[in-house]
């Protein structure tokens, strides 16, 4: 099962590896995520962050 809250928290992590992990999880599991708007917002956050 996908823990969307964990992915969401990883998006705001100070650790670049955690943000990359979140990005990969969103990429691989987007179709299974229930809160699509939050996932889109997380993707936008990741796109705007300096990894």
N, C-alpha and C. Protein backbone atom coordinates (compact mmCIF):
# COMPACT_ATOMS: atom_id res chain seq x y z
N UNK A 1 0.84 -1.18 0.00
CA UNK A 1 0.00 0.00 0.00
C UNK A 1 0.89 1.25 0.00
N UNK A 2 0.44 2.26 -0.67
CA UNK A 2 1.20 3.50 -0.81
C UNK A 2 0.86 4.42 0.36
N UNK A 3 1.89 4.91 1.03
CA UNK A 3 1.70 5.85 2.13
C UNK A 3 1.89 7.27 1.58
N UNK A 4 0.79 7.86 1.15
CA UNK A 4 0.87 9.16 0.52
C UNK A 4 1.36 10.23 1.49
N UNK A 5 1.03 10.11 2.75
CA UNK A 5 1.50 11.09 3.74
C UNK A 5 3.02 11.04 3.88
N UNK A 6 3.58 9.84 3.82
CA UNK A 6 5.03 9.70 3.88
C UNK A 6 5.68 10.36 2.66
N UNK A 7 5.10 10.12 1.49
CA UNK A 7 5.61 10.74 0.27
C UNK A 7 5.53 12.26 0.39
N UNK A 8 4.40 12.74 0.90
CA UNK A 8 4.21 14.18 1.06
C UNK A 8 5.28 14.77 1.97
N UNK A 9 5.56 14.13 3.08
CA UNK A 9 6.60 14.61 4.01
C UNK A 9 7.98 14.58 3.36
N UNK A 10 8.25 13.56 2.56
CA UNK A 10 9.54 13.47 1.88
C UNK A 10 9.74 14.61 0.89
N UNK A 11 8.66 15.12 0.33
CA UNK A 11 8.75 16.23 -0.63
C UNK A 11 9.32 17.49 0.01
N UNK A 12 9.13 17.63 1.30
CA UNK A 12 9.58 18.83 2.02
C UNK A 12 10.84 18.58 2.85
N UNK A 13 11.43 17.41 2.67
CA UNK A 13 12.63 17.06 3.42
C UNK A 13 13.81 17.93 3.01
N UNK A 14 14.70 18.18 3.94
CA UNK A 14 15.93 18.91 3.64
C UNK A 14 16.93 18.01 2.91
N UNK A 15 16.72 16.71 3.00
CA UNK A 15 17.62 15.73 2.40
C UNK A 15 17.24 15.53 0.92
N UNK A 16 18.12 15.88 0.00
CA UNK A 16 17.81 15.71 -1.42
C UNK A 16 17.48 14.27 -1.80
N UNK A 17 18.10 13.31 -1.14
CA UNK A 17 17.82 11.90 -1.43
C UNK A 17 16.37 11.56 -1.11
N UNK A 18 15.84 12.13 -0.04
CA UNK A 18 14.44 11.90 0.33
C UNK A 18 13.50 12.49 -0.71
N UNK A 19 13.83 13.67 -1.22
CA UNK A 19 13.00 14.31 -2.25
C UNK A 19 13.03 13.50 -3.55
N UNK A 20 14.20 12.97 -3.90
CA UNK A 20 14.31 12.13 -5.09
C UNK A 20 13.49 10.85 -4.91
N UNK A 21 13.56 10.29 -3.72
CA UNK A 21 12.77 9.09 -3.42
C UNK A 21 11.27 9.39 -3.56
N UNK A 22 10.84 10.54 -3.06
CA UNK A 22 9.43 10.93 -3.18
C UNK A 22 9.04 11.07 -4.64
N UNK A 23 9.89 11.69 -5.42
CA UNK A 23 9.62 11.87 -6.85
C UNK A 23 9.47 10.52 -7.54
N UNK A 24 10.35 9.60 -7.26
CA UNK A 24 10.28 8.26 -7.86
C UNK A 24 9.00 7.54 -7.44
N UNK A 25 8.62 7.67 -6.17
CA UNK A 25 7.40 7.02 -5.70
C UNK A 25 6.16 7.61 -6.36
N UNK A 26 6.14 8.94 -6.51
CA UNK A 26 5.01 9.57 -7.20
C UNK A 26 4.96 9.11 -8.65
N UNK A 27 6.10 9.03 -9.28
CA UNK A 27 6.16 8.61 -10.68
C UNK A 27 5.65 7.18 -10.85
N UNK A 28 6.06 6.29 -10.00
CA UNK A 28 5.72 4.88 -10.13
C UNK A 28 4.30 4.55 -9.67
N UNK A 29 3.74 5.38 -8.78
CA UNK A 29 2.47 5.01 -8.15
C UNK A 29 1.35 6.01 -8.36
N UNK A 30 1.52 6.97 -9.25
CA UNK A 30 0.53 8.05 -9.37
C UNK A 30 -0.89 7.51 -9.60
N UNK A 31 -1.04 6.50 -10.40
CA UNK A 31 -2.37 5.98 -10.69
C UNK A 31 -3.04 5.34 -9.48
N UNK A 32 -2.27 4.98 -8.48
CA UNK A 32 -2.81 4.34 -7.28
C UNK A 32 -3.01 5.32 -6.12
N UNK A 33 -2.63 6.55 -6.31
CA UNK A 33 -2.74 7.55 -5.24
C UNK A 33 -4.16 8.11 -5.23
N UNK A 34 -4.74 8.18 -4.04
CA UNK A 34 -6.13 8.63 -3.94
C UNK A 34 -6.26 10.15 -3.98
N UNK A 35 -5.32 10.85 -3.39
CA UNK A 35 -5.39 12.32 -3.33
C UNK A 35 -4.56 12.89 -4.48
N UNK A 36 -5.15 12.92 -5.66
CA UNK A 36 -4.42 13.35 -6.85
C UNK A 36 -3.99 14.81 -6.77
N UNK A 37 -4.83 15.68 -6.23
CA UNK A 37 -4.47 17.10 -6.15
C UNK A 37 -3.25 17.30 -5.26
N UNK A 38 -3.21 16.61 -4.14
CA UNK A 38 -2.05 16.71 -3.26
C UNK A 38 -0.81 16.18 -3.98
N UNK A 39 -0.96 15.10 -4.74
CA UNK A 39 0.17 14.54 -5.48
C UNK A 39 0.68 15.55 -6.51
N UNK A 40 -0.24 16.22 -7.22
CA UNK A 40 0.17 17.24 -8.18
C UNK A 40 0.91 18.37 -7.48
N UNK A 41 0.37 18.81 -6.34
CA UNK A 41 1.02 19.88 -5.58
C UNK A 41 2.42 19.45 -5.13
N UNK A 42 2.56 18.20 -4.73
CA UNK A 42 3.87 17.68 -4.32
C UNK A 42 4.84 17.66 -5.51
N UNK A 43 4.33 17.27 -6.68
CA UNK A 43 5.17 17.29 -7.88
C UNK A 43 5.64 18.70 -8.21
N UNK A 44 4.74 19.66 -8.07
CA UNK A 44 5.10 21.06 -8.31
C UNK A 44 6.16 21.51 -7.32
N UNK A 45 5.98 21.14 -6.06
CA UNK A 45 6.97 21.49 -5.02
C UNK A 45 8.34 20.90 -5.37
N UNK A 46 8.35 19.65 -5.80
CA UNK A 46 9.61 19.00 -6.15
C UNK A 46 10.24 19.65 -7.38
N UNK A 47 9.41 20.04 -8.33
CA UNK A 47 9.93 20.66 -9.54
C UNK A 47 10.57 22.02 -9.23
N UNK A 48 10.05 22.70 -8.24
CA UNK A 48 10.55 24.02 -7.88
C UNK A 48 11.69 23.98 -6.87
N UNK A 49 11.96 22.82 -6.30
CA UNK A 49 13.03 22.73 -5.30
C UNK A 49 14.36 22.48 -5.98
N UNK A 50 15.40 22.85 -5.28
CA UNK A 50 16.74 22.60 -5.77
C UNK A 50 17.23 21.30 -5.17
N UNK A 51 17.30 20.27 -6.00
CA UNK A 51 17.71 18.95 -5.52
C UNK A 51 19.20 18.81 -5.64
